[in-house]
Protein backbone atom coordinates (compact mmCIF):
# COMPACT_ATOMS: atom_id res chain seq x y z
CA MET A 1 258.18 169.22 104.91
CA GLY A 2 260.96 168.09 107.24
CA ALA A 3 264.66 167.71 107.91
CA VAL A 4 267.12 164.83 107.96
CA THR A 5 268.74 164.60 111.39
CA SER A 6 271.02 161.53 111.11
CA VAL A 7 272.43 159.36 108.33
CA ALA A 8 274.20 155.99 108.27
CA ARG A 9 275.01 153.06 106.00
CA HIS A 10 273.12 149.89 106.94
CA HIS A 11 274.87 146.58 106.17
CA GLU A 12 271.81 145.25 104.28
CA LEU A 13 269.71 148.30 103.37
CA GLY A 14 272.51 150.65 102.28
CA PRO A 15 272.12 154.38 103.02
CA ILE A 16 269.47 155.13 105.66
CA ALA A 17 268.46 158.33 107.43
CA LEU A 18 266.35 159.53 110.32
CA ALA A 19 264.22 162.58 109.55
CA LEU A 20 261.55 164.62 111.25
CA LEU A 21 258.51 165.27 109.08
CA ARG A 22 255.54 167.54 109.67
CA ARG A 23 252.51 165.65 110.92
CA ALA A 24 250.56 166.91 107.90
CA VAL A 25 252.67 164.76 105.52
CA PRO A 26 250.49 161.78 104.46
CA VAL A 27 251.96 158.42 105.53
CA GLY A 28 252.01 157.04 101.97
CA GLU A 29 253.50 160.19 100.42
CA GLN A 30 256.39 159.71 97.95
CA LEU A 31 259.36 161.65 99.33
CA THR A 32 262.53 163.13 97.84
CA VAL A 33 265.52 164.30 99.88
CA GLU A 34 267.48 167.23 98.49
CA VAL A 35 271.22 166.71 99.02
CA THR A 36 273.16 169.93 99.60
CA GLU A 37 276.67 171.04 100.40
CA VAL A 38 278.21 174.33 101.39
CA ASP A 39 280.12 176.23 98.69
CA GLU A 40 283.49 176.99 100.30
CA THR A 41 284.01 180.22 98.37
CA THR A 42 280.60 181.80 99.04
CA GLY A 43 279.46 179.91 102.15
CA GLU A 44 276.07 179.33 100.54
CA THR A 45 274.20 176.02 100.63
CA VAL A 46 274.03 174.58 97.11
CA PRO A 47 271.80 171.67 95.99
CA VAL A 48 273.88 168.87 94.45
CA GLY A 49 271.28 166.13 93.93
CA ARG A 50 268.08 164.42 94.97
CA VAL A 51 267.42 160.98 96.47
CA ASP A 52 264.06 159.18 96.52
CA ALA A 53 262.95 158.18 100.01
CA VAL A 54 260.25 156.22 101.81
CA GLN A 55 259.00 156.68 105.32
CA GLU A 56 258.55 154.26 108.19
CA VAL A 57 256.29 155.72 110.85
CA LEU A 58 257.82 155.64 114.34
CA VAL A 59 255.31 157.97 116.03
CA SER A 60 251.65 158.09 115.07
CA PRO A 61 250.75 161.18 112.98
CA GLU A 62 248.02 161.93 115.54
CA GLY A 63 250.70 162.28 118.22
CA ARG A 64 249.02 159.77 120.48
CA ALA A 65 250.68 156.84 122.20
CA GLN A 66 249.79 153.36 120.96
CA ALA A 67 249.00 152.29 124.54
CA SER A 68 246.73 154.08 126.98
CA PRO A 69 248.30 155.30 130.25
CA SER A 70 246.86 152.30 132.11
CA GLU A 71 248.56 149.91 129.63
CA ARG A 72 252.01 151.52 129.79
CA PRO A 73 254.69 149.94 131.97
CA ARG A 74 255.35 151.91 135.13
CA ARG A 75 258.87 152.93 136.05
CA ARG A 76 260.00 152.11 139.57
CA THR A 77 262.30 154.51 141.39
CA ALA A 78 264.00 154.60 144.78
CA GLN A 79 260.91 156.42 146.14
CA GLY A 80 258.67 153.48 145.22
CA ALA A 81 256.34 152.66 142.36
CA CYS A 82 256.19 155.60 139.98
CA GLY A 83 257.46 157.97 142.66
CA SER A 84 259.28 161.15 141.78
CA GLU A 85 261.03 163.89 143.68
CA ARG A 86 258.28 166.40 142.93
CA PRO A 87 254.61 165.66 142.36
CA GLY A 88 253.59 165.82 138.71
CA ARG A 89 257.15 165.62 137.48
CA ALA A 90 259.05 162.45 136.59
CA SER A 91 262.68 162.06 137.56
CA GLY A 92 264.98 163.43 134.86
CA SER A 93 262.25 165.36 133.06
CA ARG A 94 262.39 169.04 132.24
CA ALA A 95 259.79 171.69 131.69
CA LEU A 96 259.06 172.56 128.09
CA PRO A 97 258.02 175.95 126.75
CA GLY A 98 254.44 176.59 125.67
CA PRO A 99 253.08 175.64 122.23
CA ALA A 100 255.65 175.96 119.46
CA ALA A 101 255.12 178.48 116.70
CA ALA A 102 254.10 176.88 113.41
């Protein structure tokens, strides 16, 4: 379903984590995180517990921005309003490979 990428201890909320979930996971789904550690003798990953979790949506499951392109703030560069070194490519961006395998 997903993977935890970062963990921290919040001063009011206690343990918190950032995770990436598949878009197919319903927003209201009850989640459980499996806690694992590596067995030093065998090198295998061993489950050591489970923690209940809730999700707070940061990116819409549809993968669409909340604001249309005309509503988004435009970035100004040395070349002028929304200019970039190469047409069709924003400064600092990089090309991504084709569609990812599922």
